C-alpha cells in the first residue's frame, strides 16, 4: 500500500513524499489511519536544520533524509497477528510515529482513546503534553508550592496548565514574548513576567515569599537556566525540560546550586521507566492515560491551545515558518483526514 509522509530530504527543506508499506501489518504491529499529527517545534526545528543532538543523543554525523511527527491520533485499520490491546475501528493515540496518512507501529506504541469527550484533534497533542507532565512529576511538586515555568513555547504552555492542575500556587510563567505571556495567563498562570525586565528575579522572590520551590526550565538556553537559578528558594528543584543542544555556558554552581541545595533534574522524555511507573517516574503509556483523564475531565483544556490546522501539502510553508519565525504558533497540526 502507498502512504504519504512528510520528510526533510535536506537541510531546511520539507516535502510530502510517497512511500510503500506492506499490505498487511506484520505480527505485533498496528496499522493506523492518521487523523491529526502535531508539530513539536523544538524537536522538529532541530531535525530540519541539521542539529546533531536529537532523539536523546548526539549523532556521529548529520544525515538526511530526516523526519518527525511523533504525536498523532487516528483510527485502527488493521492489526497484525498477536495484537490484543486494540482492534480495527478503535480510536487511538500513536506515539513515536511519523507525520503520515498511515502509521505502522508496534502495538505498544498505541493507546486507546476510550473517553468520547476527547476529540482526535486533542488526542493528537496528548503525547507531547506528557513531556512537561513528566518534568512536573520529577520536581515532586507539592500542593501549595510555588512553580515557575521559564519559556512559554508549546511545552512551557502545557507545563503552566499542568502545574496549576497539580495545585501549584502561585504559578509564574516567564517569556519575553508578550503574546505567549497572555496565553499563559489564559491557561491559568497567576503571574506572567518578562525575564528581561529590570528586577525580574527580585520580583519573582517577592511573589513567592522568598523564592520558587519548583521550576520547569524549557528554554534550553544557558541564560534561561542561569536566571532560573537566581529565582529559586533554598532546596528548590529545577527540571531541565528544554533541550540544551547548542549553547555552551557557565553556571556558578557553588553559589547558585551547591550552597542553596538546589536539585537539577534531567527531564528528557526518554528518561523514564519502560515498564513500571512509580512516584515521580511514569511510563509513556501511564502518562498518556493520565493526560487523557485530565483532558476528558476538563482539568486541562487542550482544545483551547490548538492554534493552526494545515493540509499536509502545506508542509513546506509550515516548516519555513518554523525555521525562521521565533514566534511560531503554540500548537500547529496537520489534518490527514482530507489528504488523498
C-alpha atoms as a PDB file:
ATOM      1  CA  UNK A   1       0.000   0.000   0.000  1.00  0.00           C
ATOM      2  CA  UNK A   2       1.026   3.617  -0.522  1.00  0.00           C
ATOM      3  CA  UNK A   3       1.310   6.236   2.168  1.00  0.00           C
ATOM      4  CA  UNK A   4       2.161   9.938   2.087  1.00  0.00           C
ATOM      5  CA  UNK A   5       4.663  11.198   4.613  1.00  0.00           C
ATOM      6  CA  UNK A   6       6.339  14.499   5.474  1.00  0.00           C
ATOM      7  CA  UNK A   7      10.117  14.194   5.159  1.00  0.00           C
ATOM      8  CA  UNK A   8      13.079  16.556   5.431  1.00  0.00           C
ATOM      9  CA  UNK A   9      15.145  15.461   2.395  1.00  0.00           C
ATOM     10  CA  UNK A  10      17.874  18.017   3.040  1.00  0.00           C
ATOM     11  CA  UNK A  11      18.662  20.818   5.425  1.00  0.00           C
ATOM     12  CA  UNK A  12      15.869  23.405   5.776  1.00  0.00           C
ATOM     13  CA  UNK A  13      13.540  21.639   3.345  1.00  0.00           C
ATOM     14  CA  UNK A  14      10.265  19.761   3.904  1.00  0.00           C
ATOM     15  CA  UNK A  15       8.177  17.880   1.369  1.00  0.00           C
ATOM     16  CA  UNK A  16       5.344  15.375   1.131  1.00  0.00           C
ATOM     17  CA  UNK A  17       6.617  12.092  -0.325  1.00  0.00           C
ATOM     18  CA  UNK A  18       5.102   8.726  -1.233  1.00  0.00           C
ATOM     19  CA  UNK A  19       6.315   5.528   0.432  1.00  0.00           C
ATOM     20  CA  UNK A  20       5.314   1.876   0.263  1.00  0.00           C
ATOM     21  CA  UNK A  21       4.022  -0.050   3.269  1.00  0.00           C
ATOM     22  CA  UNK A  22       3.158  -3.757   3.439  1.00  0.00           C
ATOM     23  CA  UNK A  23      -0.466  -4.515   2.571  1.00  0.00           C
ATOM     24  CA  UNK A  24      -0.903  -6.373   5.847  1.00  0.00           C
ATOM     25  CA  UNK A  25       0.690  -5.380   9.177  1.00  0.00           C
ATOM     26  CA  UNK A  26       3.364  -7.792  10.427  1.00  0.00           C
ATOM     27  CA  UNK A  27       2.914  -9.670  13.689  1.00  0.00           C
ATOM     28  CA  UNK A  28       2.682  -7.356  16.688  1.00  0.00           C
ATOM     29  CA  UNK A  29       2.114  -4.262  14.547  1.00  0.00           C
ATOM     30  CA  UNK A  30      -0.858  -1.957  14.127  1.00  0.00           C
ATOM     31  CA  UNK A  31      -1.854  -0.013  11.012  1.00  0.00           C
ATOM     32  CA  UNK A  32      -3.493   3.303  11.909  1.00  0.00           C
ATOM     33  CA  UNK A  33      -5.204   5.711   9.539  1.00  0.00           C
ATOM     34  CA  UNK A  34      -3.959   9.055  10.859  1.00  0.00           C
ATOM     35  CA  UNK A  35      -6.456  11.803  11.633  1.00  0.00           C
ATOM     36  CA  UNK A  36      -4.159  14.518  13.008  1.00  0.00           C
ATOM     37  CA  UNK A  37      -0.480  14.905  13.860  1.00  0.00           C
ATOM     38  CA  UNK A  38       1.047  17.679  15.949  1.00  0.00           C
ATOM     39  CA  UNK A  39       4.248  19.602  15.224  1.00  0.00           C
ATOM     40  CA  UNK A  40       6.803  19.519  18.034  1.00  0.00           C
ATOM     41  CA  UNK A  41       8.547  22.864  17.406  1.00  0.00           C
ATOM     42  CA  UNK A  42      11.858  22.355  19.212  1.00  0.00           C
ATOM     43  CA  UNK A  43      12.497  18.785  18.078  1.00  0.00           C
ATOM     44  CA  UNK A  44      11.394  19.364  14.511  1.00  0.00           C
ATOM     45  CA  UNK A  45      13.370  22.595  14.173  1.00  0.00           C
ATOM     46  CA  UNK A  46      16.440  20.689  15.341  1.00  0.00           C
ATOM     47  CA  UNK A  47      15.777  17.920  12.829  1.00  0.00           C
ATOM     48  CA  UNK A  48      15.150  20.080   9.776  1.00  0.00           C
ATOM     49  CA  UNK A  49      18.079  22.427  10.480  1.00  0.00           C
ATOM     50  CA  UNK A  50      20.515  19.534  10.801  1.00  0.00           C
ATOM     51  CA  UNK A  51      21.242  19.695  14.529  1.00  0.00           C
ATOM     52  CA  UNK A  52      23.138  16.547  15.594  1.00  0.00           C
ATOM     53  CA  UNK A  53      21.526  16.431  19.054  1.00  0.00           C
ATOM     54  CA  UNK A  54      18.184  14.711  18.541  1.00  0.00           C
ATOM     55  CA  UNK A  55      16.465  11.591  19.873  1.00  0.00           C
ATOM     56  CA  UNK A  56      18.245  11.911  23.200  1.00  0.00           C
ATOM     57  CA  UNK A  57      21.772  11.537  21.867  1.00  0.00           C
ATOM     58  CA  UNK A  58      24.353  13.211  19.654  1.00  0.00           C
ATOM     59  CA  UNK A  59      24.562  11.673  16.186  1.00  0.00           C
ATOM     60  CA  UNK A  60      28.112  10.904  14.981  1.00  0.00           C
ATOM     61  CA  UNK A  61      27.204  12.637  11.714  1.00  0.00           C
ATOM     62  CA  UNK A  62      24.198  14.538  10.418  1.00  0.00           C
ATOM     63  CA  UNK A  63      22.407  12.622   7.699  1.00  0.00           C
ATOM     64  CA  UNK A  64      19.310  13.287   5.657  1.00  0.00           C
ATOM     65  CA  UNK A  65      16.517  12.490   4.996  1.00  0.00           C
ATOM     66  CA  UNK A  66      15.096  13.055   8.458  1.00  0.00           C
ATOM     67  CA  UNK A  67      11.545  13.045   9.724  1.00  0.00           C
ATOM     68  CA  UNK A  68       9.419  13.510  12.802  1.00  0.00           C
ATOM     69  CA  UNK A  69       5.768  13.640  13.819  1.00  0.00           C
ATOM     70  CA  UNK A  70       5.853  11.540  16.957  1.00  0.00           C
ATOM     71  CA  UNK A  71       2.488  12.684  18.408  1.00  0.00           C
ATOM     72  CA  UNK A  72      -0.626  11.760  16.411  1.00  0.00           C
ATOM     73  CA  UNK A  73      -4.081  10.240  16.598  1.00  0.00           C
ATOM     74  CA  UNK A  74      -6.219   8.145  14.313  1.00  0.00           C
ATOM     75  CA  UNK A  75      -8.326   5.025  13.839  1.00  0.00           C
ATOM     76  CA  UNK A  76      -7.021   1.466  13.723  1.00  0.00           C
ATOM     77  CA  UNK A  77      -7.397  -0.024  10.245  1.00  0.00           C
ATOM     78  CA  UNK A  78      -5.745  -3.436  10.649  1.00  0.00           C
ATOM     79  CA  UNK A  79      -3.776  -5.349  13.269  1.00  0.00           C
ATOM     80  CA  UNK A  80      -1.076  -7.985  12.907  1.00  0.00           C
ATOM     81  CA  UNK A  81      -1.021 -11.409  14.451  1.00  0.00           C
ATOM     82  CA  UNK A  82      -0.847 -11.402  18.239  1.00  0.00           C
ATOM     83  CA  UNK A  83      -2.186  -7.860  18.754  1.00  0.00           C
ATOM     84  CA  UNK A  84      -4.714  -7.803  21.602  1.00  0.00           C
ATOM     85  CA  UNK A  85      -4.850  -4.294  23.053  1.00  0.00           C
ATOM     86  CA  UNK A  86      -6.552  -2.609  20.073  1.00  0.00           C
ATOM     87  CA  UNK A  87      -8.793  -3.707  17.206  1.00  0.00           C
ATOM     88  CA  UNK A  88      -9.942  -2.242  13.872  1.00  0.00           C
ATOM     89  CA  UNK A  89     -12.185   0.777  14.418  1.00  0.00           C
ATOM     90  CA  UNK A  90     -10.609   1.833  17.723  1.00  0.00           C
ATOM     91  CA  UNK A  91      -9.619   5.470  18.159  1.00  0.00           C
ATOM     92  CA  UNK A  92      -6.011   5.580  19.324  1.00  0.00           C
ATOM     93  CA  UNK A  93      -3.073   7.808  20.166  1.00  0.00           C
ATOM     94  CA  UNK A  94       0.075   6.850  18.271  1.00  0.00           C
ATOM     95  CA  UNK A  95       3.378   7.826  19.862  1.00  0.00           C
ATOM     96  CA  UNK A  96       6.799   7.714  18.229  1.00  0.00           C
ATOM     97  CA  UNK A  97       5.103   7.554  14.842  1.00  0.00           C
ATOM     98  CA  UNK A  98       5.618   9.926  11.907  1.00  0.00           C
ATOM     99  CA  UNK A  99       3.760  12.697  10.067  1.00  0.00           C
ATOM    100  CA  UNK A 100       1.926  10.469   7.568  1.00  0.00           C
ATOM    101  CA  UNK A 101      -1.559   9.452   6.485  1.00  0.00           C
ATOM    102  CA  UNK A 102      -0.806   5.924   7.699  1.00  0.00           C
ATOM    103  CA  UNK A 103       1.275   4.862  10.687  1.00  0.00           C
ATOM    104  CA  UNK A 104       2.524   1.301  11.078  1.00  0.00           C
ATOM    105  CA  UNK A 105       3.768   0.942  14.659  1.00  0.00           C
ATOM    106  CA  UNK A 106       4.320  -1.671  17.362  1.00  0.00           C
ATOM    107  CA  UNK A 107       1.219  -2.474  19.392  1.00  0.00           C
ATOM    108  CA  UNK A 108       2.898  -0.924  22.449  1.00  0.00           C
ATOM    109  CA  UNK A 109       3.015   2.468  20.688  1.00  0.00           C
ATOM    110  CA  UNK A 110      -0.767   2.779  20.581  1.00  0.00           C
ATOM    111  CA  UNK A 111      -3.036   3.848  23.445  1.00  0.00           C
ATOM    112  CA  UNK A 112      -6.827   3.582  23.059  1.00  0.00           C
ATOM    113  CA  UNK A 113      -8.888   6.767  23.454  1.00  0.00           C
ATOM    114  CA  UNK A 114     -11.723   5.325  25.497  1.00  0.00           C
ATOM    115  CA  UNK A 115     -13.447   8.562  26.523  1.00  0.00           C
ATOM    116  CA  UNK A 116     -15.564  10.134  23.772  1.00  0.00           C
ATOM    117  CA  UNK A 117     -15.125  13.534  25.411  1.00  0.00           C
ATOM    118  CA  UNK A 118     -11.594  13.642  23.988  1.00  0.00           C
ATOM    119  CA  UNK A 119     -11.538  14.559  20.300  1.00  0.00           C
ATOM    120  CA  UNK A 120      -8.994  13.195  17.851  1.00  0.00           C
ATOM    121  CA  UNK A 121      -7.524  16.712  17.481  1.00  0.00           C
ATOM    122  CA  UNK A 122      -6.978  16.976  21.224  1.00  0.00           C
ATOM    123  CA  UNK A 123      -5.626  13.438  21.383  1.00  0.00           C
ATOM    124  CA  UNK A 124      -3.010  14.239  18.730  1.00  0.00           C
ATOM    125  CA  UNK A 125      -1.350  16.659  21.171  1.00  0.00           C
ATOM    126  CA  UNK A 126      -1.502  14.390  24.214  1.00  0.00           C
ATOM    127  CA  UNK A 127       1.845  12.640  23.802  1.00  0.00           C
ATOM    128  CA  UNK A 128       3.698  15.964  23.550  1.00  0.00           C
ATOM    129  CA  UNK A 129       1.893  17.112  26.702  1.00  0.00           C
ATOM    130  CA  UNK A 130       3.363  14.194  28.637  1.00  0.00           C
ATOM    131  CA  UNK A 131       6.870  15.677  28.308  1.00  0.00           C
ATOM    132  CA  UNK A 132       6.125  18.580  30.709  1.00  0.00           C
ATOM    133  CA  UNK A 133       3.881  16.280  32.742  1.00  0.00           C
ATOM    134  CA  UNK A 134       6.906  14.084  33.457  1.00  0.00           C
ATOM    135  CA  UNK A 135       9.009  17.165  34.261  1.00  0.00           C
ATOM    136  CA  UNK A 136       6.478  18.408  36.816  1.00  0.00           C
ATOM    137  CA  UNK A 137       6.315  14.932  38.362  1.00  0.00           C
ATOM    138  CA  UNK A 138      10.100  14.804  38.704  1.00  0.00           C
ATOM    139  CA  UNK A 139      10.168  18.011  40.752  1.00  0.00           C
ATOM    140  CA  UNK A 140       7.873  16.292  43.281  1.00  0.00           C
ATOM    141  CA  UNK A 141       5.720  19.429  43.335  1.00  0.00           C
ATOM    142  CA  UNK A 142       3.621  19.605  46.491  1.00  0.00           C
ATOM    143  CA  UNK A 143       0.172  21.160  46.818  1.00  0.00           C
ATOM    144  CA  UNK A 144       0.535  24.889  47.512  1.00  0.00           C
ATOM    145  CA  UNK A 145       4.191  25.147  46.489  1.00  0.00           C
ATOM    146  CA  UNK A 146       5.262  27.828  44.032  1.00  0.00           C
ATOM    147  CA  UNK A 147       6.181  26.820  40.485  1.00  0.00           C
ATOM    148  CA  UNK A 148       7.866  28.837  37.745  1.00  0.00           C
ATOM    149  CA  UNK A 149       7.911  27.914  34.061  1.00  0.00           C
ATOM    150  CA  UNK A 150      10.793  29.512  32.156  1.00  0.00           C
ATOM    151  CA  UNK A 151       9.956  29.578  28.433  1.00  0.00           C
ATOM    152  CA  UNK A 152       6.423  29.517  27.039  1.00  0.00           C
ATOM    153  CA  UNK A 153       6.525  27.575  23.807  1.00  0.00           C
ATOM    154  CA  UNK A 154       4.231  24.560  23.469  1.00  0.00           C
ATOM    155  CA  UNK A 155       5.921  22.560  26.240  1.00  0.00           C
ATOM    156  CA  UNK A 156       6.007  25.561  28.562  1.00  0.00           C
ATOM    157  CA  UNK A 157       2.332  26.319  27.978  1.00  0.00           C
ATOM    158  CA  UNK A 158       1.461  22.746  28.879  1.00  0.00           C
ATOM    159  CA  UNK A 159       3.723  22.970  31.938  1.00  0.00           C
ATOM    160  CA  UNK A 160       1.813  26.042  33.170  1.00  0.00           C
ATOM    161  CA  UNK A 161      -1.503  24.221  32.900  1.00  0.00           C
ATOM    162  CA  UNK A 162      -0.178  21.029  34.472  1.00  0.00           C
ATOM    163  CA  UNK A 163       1.384  22.914  37.389  1.00  0.00           C
ATOM    164  CA  UNK A 164      -1.921  24.631  38.078  1.00  0.00           C
ATOM    165  CA  UNK A 165      -3.811  21.325  37.867  1.00  0.00           C
ATOM    166  CA  UNK A 166      -1.268  19.855  40.303  1.00  0.00           C
ATOM    167  CA  UNK A 167      -2.037  22.554  42.873  1.00  0.00           C
ATOM    168  CA  UNK A 168       0.952  24.884  42.489  1.00  0.00           C
ATOM    169  CA  UNK A 169       0.439  28.358  43.967  1.00  0.00           C
ATOM    170  CA  UNK A 170       1.459  30.684  42.592  1.00  0.00           C
ATOM    171  CA  UNK A 171       2.229  29.601  39.035  1.00  0.00           C
ATOM    172  CA  UNK A 172       4.642  32.079  37.442  1.00  0.00           C
ATOM    173  CA  UNK A 173       5.040  31.990  33.650  1.00  0.00           C
ATOM    174  CA  UNK A 174       8.110  33.616  32.096  1.00  0.00           C
ATOM    175  CA  UNK A 175       8.822  34.580  28.486  1.00  0.00           C
ATOM    176  CA  UNK A 176       9.994  37.741  26.690  1.00  0.00           C
ATOM    177  CA  UNK A 177       7.143  37.473  24.134  1.00  0.00           C
ATOM    178  CA  UNK A 178       4.015  39.285  25.334  1.00  0.00           C
ATOM    179  CA  UNK A 179       1.560  37.113  23.386  1.00  0.00           C
ATOM    180  CA  UNK A 180       2.972  33.976  24.992  1.00  0.00           C
ATOM    181  CA  UNK A 181       2.598  35.537  28.439  1.00  0.00           C
ATOM    182  CA  UNK A 182      -1.029  36.307  27.598  1.00  0.00           C
ATOM    183  CA  UNK A 183      -1.598  32.682  26.540  1.00  0.00           C
ATOM    184  CA  UNK A 184      -0.116  31.509  29.831  1.00  0.00           C
ATOM    185  CA  UNK A 185      -2.399  33.778  31.853  1.00  0.00           C
ATOM    186  CA  UNK A 186      -5.373  32.461  29.883  1.00  0.00           C
ATOM    187  CA  UNK A 187      -4.181  28.947  30.722  1.00  0.00           C
ATOM    188  CA  UNK A 188      -4.081  29.518  34.457  1.00  0.00           C
ATOM    189  CA  UNK A 189      -0.818  31.254  35.349  1.00  0.00           C
ATOM    190  CA  UNK A 190      -1.111  33.608  38.308  1.00  0.00           C
ATOM    191  CA  UNK A 191       1.655  35.866  37.027  1.00  0.00           C
ATOM    192  CA  UNK A 192       3.380  36.264  33.672  1.00  0.00           C
ATOM    193  CA  UNK A 193       6.726  38.062  33.636  1.00  0.00           C
ATOM    194  CA  UNK A 194       9.322  39.238  31.142  1.00  0.00           C
ATOM    195  CA  UNK A 195      12.732  37.802  32.099  1.00  0.00           C
ATOM    196  CA  UNK A 196      14.454  40.856  30.615  1.00  0.00           C
ATOM    197  CA  UNK A 197      12.531  43.300  32.802  1.00  0.00           C
ATOM    198  CA  UNK A 198      14.603  45.155  35.389  1.00  0.00           C
ATOM    199  CA  UNK A 199      14.471  43.471  38.789  1.00  0.00           C
ATOM    200  CA  UNK A 200      12.982  40.255  37.369  1.00  0.00           C
ATOM    201  CA  UNK A 201      14.483  37.837  39.921  1.00  0.00           C
ATOM    202  CA  UNK A 202      13.638  40.147  42.821  1.00  0.00           C
ATOM    203  CA  UNK A 203      10.039  40.315  41.605  1.00  0.00           C
ATOM    204  CA  UNK A 204       9.794  36.514  41.473  1.00  0.00           C
ATOM    205  CA  UNK A 205      11.106  36.254  45.035  1.00  0.00           C
ATOM    206  CA  UNK A 206       8.628  38.880  46.150  1.00  0.00           C
ATOM    207  CA  UNK A 207       5.718  36.985  44.582  1.00  0.00           C
ATOM    208  CA  UNK A 208       6.817  33.675  46.104  1.00  0.00           C
ATOM    209  CA  UNK A 209       7.797  34.864  49.551  1.00  0.00           C
ATOM    210  CA  UNK A 210      11.490  34.206  49.096  1.00  0.00           C
ATOM    211  CA  UNK A 211      11.940  32.057  46.001  1.00  0.00           C
ATOM    212  CA  UNK A 212      10.498  29.370  43.769  1.00  0.00           C
ATOM    213  CA  UNK A 213      10.100  25.838  45.121  1.00  0.00           C
ATOM    214  CA  UNK A 214       9.897  24.073  41.747  1.00  0.00           C
ATOM    215  CA  UNK A 215      10.852  25.325  38.296  1.00  0.00           C
ATOM    216  CA  UNK A 216      10.466  23.929  34.807  1.00  0.00           C
ATOM    217  CA  UNK A 217      13.228  25.271  32.558  1.00  0.00           C
ATOM    218  CA  UNK A 218      12.037  24.960  28.954  1.00  0.00           C
ATOM    219  CA  UNK A 219      14.222  27.399  27.025  1.00  0.00           C
ATOM    220  CA  UNK A 220      17.171  25.040  26.714  1.00  0.00           C
ATOM    221  CA  UNK A 221      19.406  28.101  26.901  1.00  0.00           C
ATOM    222  CA  UNK A 222      22.181  28.655  29.403  1.00  0.00           C
ATOM    223  CA  UNK A 223      20.919  32.147  30.165  1.00  0.00           C
ATOM    224  CA  UNK A 224      17.475  30.716  30.906  1.00  0.00           C
ATOM    225  CA  UNK A 225      18.847  28.234  33.412  1.00  0.00           C
ATOM    226  CA  UNK A 226      21.129  30.849  34.982  1.00  0.00           C
ATOM    227  CA  UNK A 227      18.223  33.223  35.504  1.00  0.00           C
ATOM    228  CA  UNK A 228      16.015  30.419  36.795  1.00  0.00           C
ATOM    229  CA  UNK A 229      18.606  29.647  39.462  1.00  0.00           C
ATOM    230  CA  UNK A 230      18.539  33.301  40.540  1.00  0.00           C
ATOM    231  CA  UNK A 231      14.840  32.865  41.371  1.00  0.00           C
ATOM    232  CA  UNK A 232      14.998  29.681  43.435  1.00  0.00           C
ATOM    233  CA  UNK A 233      14.259  29.157  47.105  1.00  0.00           C
ATOM    234  CA  UNK A 234      16.653  27.089  49.212  1.00  0.00           C
ATOM    235  CA  UNK A 235      16.318  23.386  48.417  1.00  0.00           C
ATOM    236  CA  UNK A 236      14.394  24.209  45.250  1.00  0.00           C
ATOM    237  CA  UNK A 237      14.118  21.725  42.372  1.00  0.00           C
ATOM    238  CA  UNK A 238      14.686  22.560  38.707  1.00  0.00           C
ATOM    239  CA  UNK A 239      13.566  20.207  35.922  1.00  0.00           C
ATOM    240  CA  UNK A 240      15.634  20.657  32.760  1.00  0.00           C
ATOM    241  CA  UNK A 241      12.912  20.086  30.166  1.00  0.00           C
ATOM    242  CA  UNK A 242      14.356  22.286  27.410  1.00  0.00           C
ATOM    243  CA  UNK A 243      16.991  20.610  25.249  1.00  0.00           C
ATOM    244  CA  UNK A 244      20.345  22.383  25.676  1.00  0.00           C
ATOM    245  CA  UNK A 245      21.502  21.397  22.190  1.00  0.00           C
ATOM    246  CA  UNK A 246      23.650  24.265  21.054  1.00  0.00           C
ATOM    247  CA  UNK A 247      24.940  26.647  23.669  1.00  0.00           C
ATOM    248  CA  UNK A 248      27.951  26.290  25.890  1.00  0.00           C
ATOM    249  CA  UNK A 249      27.525  28.225  29.099  1.00  0.00           C
ATOM    250  CA  UNK A 250      28.973  28.647  32.556  1.00  0.00           C
ATOM    251  CA  UNK A 251      26.972  28.412  35.771  1.00  0.00           C
ATOM    252  CA  UNK A 252      28.251  29.495  39.172  1.00  0.00           C
ATOM    253  CA  UNK A 253      27.412  26.098  40.651  1.00  0.00           C
ATOM    254  CA  UNK A 254      28.971  26.858  44.028  1.00  0.00           C
ATOM    255  CA  UNK A 255      26.821  29.920  44.688  1.00  0.00           C
ATOM    256  CA  UNK A 256      23.667  29.046  42.759  1.00  0.00           C
ATOM    257  CA  UNK A 257      23.387  25.277  43.164  1.00  0.00           C
ATOM    258  CA  UNK A 258      25.715  23.852  45.816  1.00  0.00           C
ATOM    259  CA  UNK A 259      25.226  26.310  48.664  1.00  0.00           C
ATOM    260  CA  UNK A 260      21.412  26.717  48.417  1.00  0.00           C
ATOM    261  CA  UNK A 261      20.969  22.954  47.944  1.00  0.00           C
ATOM    262  CA  UNK A 262      19.293  23.138  44.535  1.00  0.00           C
ATOM    263  CA  UNK A 263      18.383  19.886  42.766  1.00  0.00           C
ATOM    264  CA  UNK A 264      18.838  19.834  38.976  1.00  0.00           C
ATOM    265  CA  UNK A 265      16.807  17.091  37.266  1.00  0.00           C
ATOM    266  CA  UNK A 266      17.264  15.801  33.741  1.00  0.00           C
ATOM    267  CA  UNK A 267      13.771  15.740  32.258  1.00  0.00           C
ATOM    268  CA  UNK A 268      14.211  14.481  28.694  1.00  0.00           C
ATOM    269  CA  UNK A 269      11.104  12.467  27.893  1.00  0.00           C
ATOM    270  CA  UNK A 270      13.137   9.306  27.259  1.00  0.00           C
ATOM    271  CA  UNK A 271      14.453   9.477  30.838  1.00  0.00           C
ATOM    272  CA  UNK A 272      11.575   7.453  32.226  1.00  0.00           C
ATOM    273  CA  UNK A 273      10.878   3.798  33.108  1.00  0.00           C
ATOM    274  CA  UNK A 274       9.945   1.483  30.263  1.00  0.00           C
ATOM    275  CA  UNK A 275       7.632  -0.822  32.204  1.00  0.00           C
ATOM    276  CA  UNK A 276       6.544   0.063  35.726  1.00  0.00           C
ATOM    277  CA  UNK A 277       5.522   3.550  36.912  1.00  0.00           C
ATOM    278  CA  UNK A 278       6.373   4.753  40.399  1.00  0.00           C
ATOM    279  CA  UNK A 279       6.152   8.032  42.285  1.00  0.00           C
ATOM    280  CA  UNK A 280       7.565  10.819  40.145  1.00  0.00           C
ATOM    281  CA  UNK A 281       8.513   8.458  37.319  1.00  0.00           C
ATOM    282  CA  UNK A 282       5.756   7.300  34.963  1.00  0.00           C
ATOM    283  CA  UNK A 283       5.941   5.294  31.752  1.00  0.00           C
ATOM    284  CA  UNK A 284       4.922   6.871  28.448  1.00  0.00           C
ATOM    285  CA  UNK A 285       1.666   4.919  28.443  1.00  0.00           C
ATOM    286  CA  UNK A 286       0.676   5.791  32.005  1.00  0.00           C
ATOM    287  CA  UNK A 287       1.367   9.487  31.435  1.00  0.00           C
ATOM    288  CA  UNK A 288      -0.680   9.391  28.213  1.00  0.00           C
ATOM    289  CA  UNK A 289      -3.584   7.812  30.080  1.00  0.00           C
ATOM    290  CA  UNK A 290      -3.248  10.386  32.861  1.00  0.00           C
ATOM    291  CA  UNK A 291      -3.382  13.264  30.390  1.00  0.00           C
ATOM    292  CA  UNK A 292      -6.404  11.735  28.642  1.00  0.00           C
ATOM    293  CA  UNK A 293      -8.208  11.723  32.002  1.00  0.00           C
ATOM    294  CA  UNK A 294      -7.197  15.319  32.724  1.00  0.00           C
ATOM    295  CA  UNK A 295      -8.439  16.383  29.304  1.00  0.00           C
ATOM    296  CA  UNK A 296     -11.698  14.433  29.489  1.00  0.00           C
ATOM    297  CA  UNK A 297     -12.427  15.810  32.952  1.00  0.00           C
ATOM    298  CA  UNK A 298     -11.851  19.406  31.909  1.00  0.00           C
ATOM    299  CA  UNK A 299      -8.805  19.839  34.154  1.00  0.00           C
ATOM    300  CA  UNK A 300      -6.615  20.789  31.185  1.00  0.00           C
ATOM    301  CA  UNK A 301      -8.189  22.410  28.117  1.00  0.00           C
ATOM    302  CA  UNK A 302      -6.139  21.103  25.200  1.00  0.00           C
ATOM    303  CA  UNK A 303      -8.686  22.303  22.625  1.00  0.00           C
ATOM    304  CA  UNK A 304      -8.103  25.936  23.621  1.00  0.00           C
ATOM    305  CA  UNK A 305      -4.374  25.542  22.957  1.00  0.00           C
ATOM    306  CA  UNK A 306      -4.682  24.303  19.372  1.00  0.00           C
ATOM    307  CA  UNK A 307      -3.530  27.136  17.111  1.00  0.00           C
ATOM    308  CA  UNK A 308      -3.491  26.158  13.444  1.00  0.00           C
ATOM    309  CA  UNK A 309      -4.601  23.252  11.256  1.00  0.00           C
ATOM    310  CA  UNK A 310      -2.906  22.663   7.899  1.00  0.00           C
ATOM    311  CA  UNK A 311      -3.118  20.319   4.967  1.00  0.00           C
ATOM    312  CA  UNK A 312      -0.023  18.085   4.756  1.00  0.00           C
ATOM    313  CA  UNK A 313       0.613  19.606   1.326  1.00  0.00           C
ATOM    314  CA  UNK A 314       1.309  22.905   3.068  1.00  0.00           C
ATOM    315  CA  UNK A 315       4.285  21.418   4.932  1.00  0.00           C
ATOM    316  CA  UNK A 316       6.940  23.453   3.018  1.00  0.00           C
ATOM    317  CA  UNK A 317       5.378  26.729   4.159  1.00  0.00           C
ATOM    318  CA  UNK A 318       4.755  25.450   7.713  1.00  0.00           C
ATOM    319  CA  UNK A 319       8.369  24.390   8.215  1.00  0.00           C
ATOM    320  CA  UNK A 320       9.747  27.529   6.619  1.00  0.00           C
ATOM    321  CA  UNK A 321       7.900  29.458   9.318  1.00  0.00           C
ATOM    322  CA  UNK A 322       9.144  27.056  11.978  1.00  0.00           C
ATOM    323  CA  UNK A 323      12.749  27.692  10.918  1.00  0.00           C
ATOM    324  CA  UNK A 324      12.525  31.459  10.594  1.00  0.00           C
ATOM    325  CA  UNK A 325       9.795  32.652  12.969  1.00  0.00           C
ATOM    326  CA  UNK A 326      10.787  32.504  16.622  1.00  0.00           C
ATOM    327  CA  UNK A 327       7.146  33.269  17.467  1.00  0.00           C
ATOM    328  CA  UNK A 328       5.873  30.121  15.751  1.00  0.00           C
ATOM    329  CA  UNK A 329       2.280  29.430  16.919  1.00  0.00           C
ATOM    330  CA  UNK A 330       1.651  27.412  20.037  1.00  0.00           C
ATOM    331  CA  UNK A 331       0.178  24.158  18.655  1.00  0.00           C
ATOM    332  CA  UNK A 332       0.249  23.541  14.895  1.00  0.00           C
ATOM    333  CA  UNK A 333      -1.263  20.370  13.472  1.00  0.00           C
ATOM    334  CA  UNK A 334      -1.626  18.575  10.153  1.00  0.00           C
ATOM    335  CA  UNK A 335      -5.063  17.345   9.108  1.00  0.00           C
ATOM    336  CA  UNK A 336      -4.744  13.979   7.350  1.00  0.00           C
ATOM    337  CA  UNK A 337      -8.493  13.381   7.093  1.00  0.00           C
ATOM    338  CA  UNK A 338      -8.724  15.283   3.805  1.00  0.00           C
ATOM    339  CA  UNK A 339      -5.442  14.120   2.264  1.00  0.00           C
ATOM    340  CA  UNK A 340      -5.839  11.918  -0.828  1.00  0.00           C
END
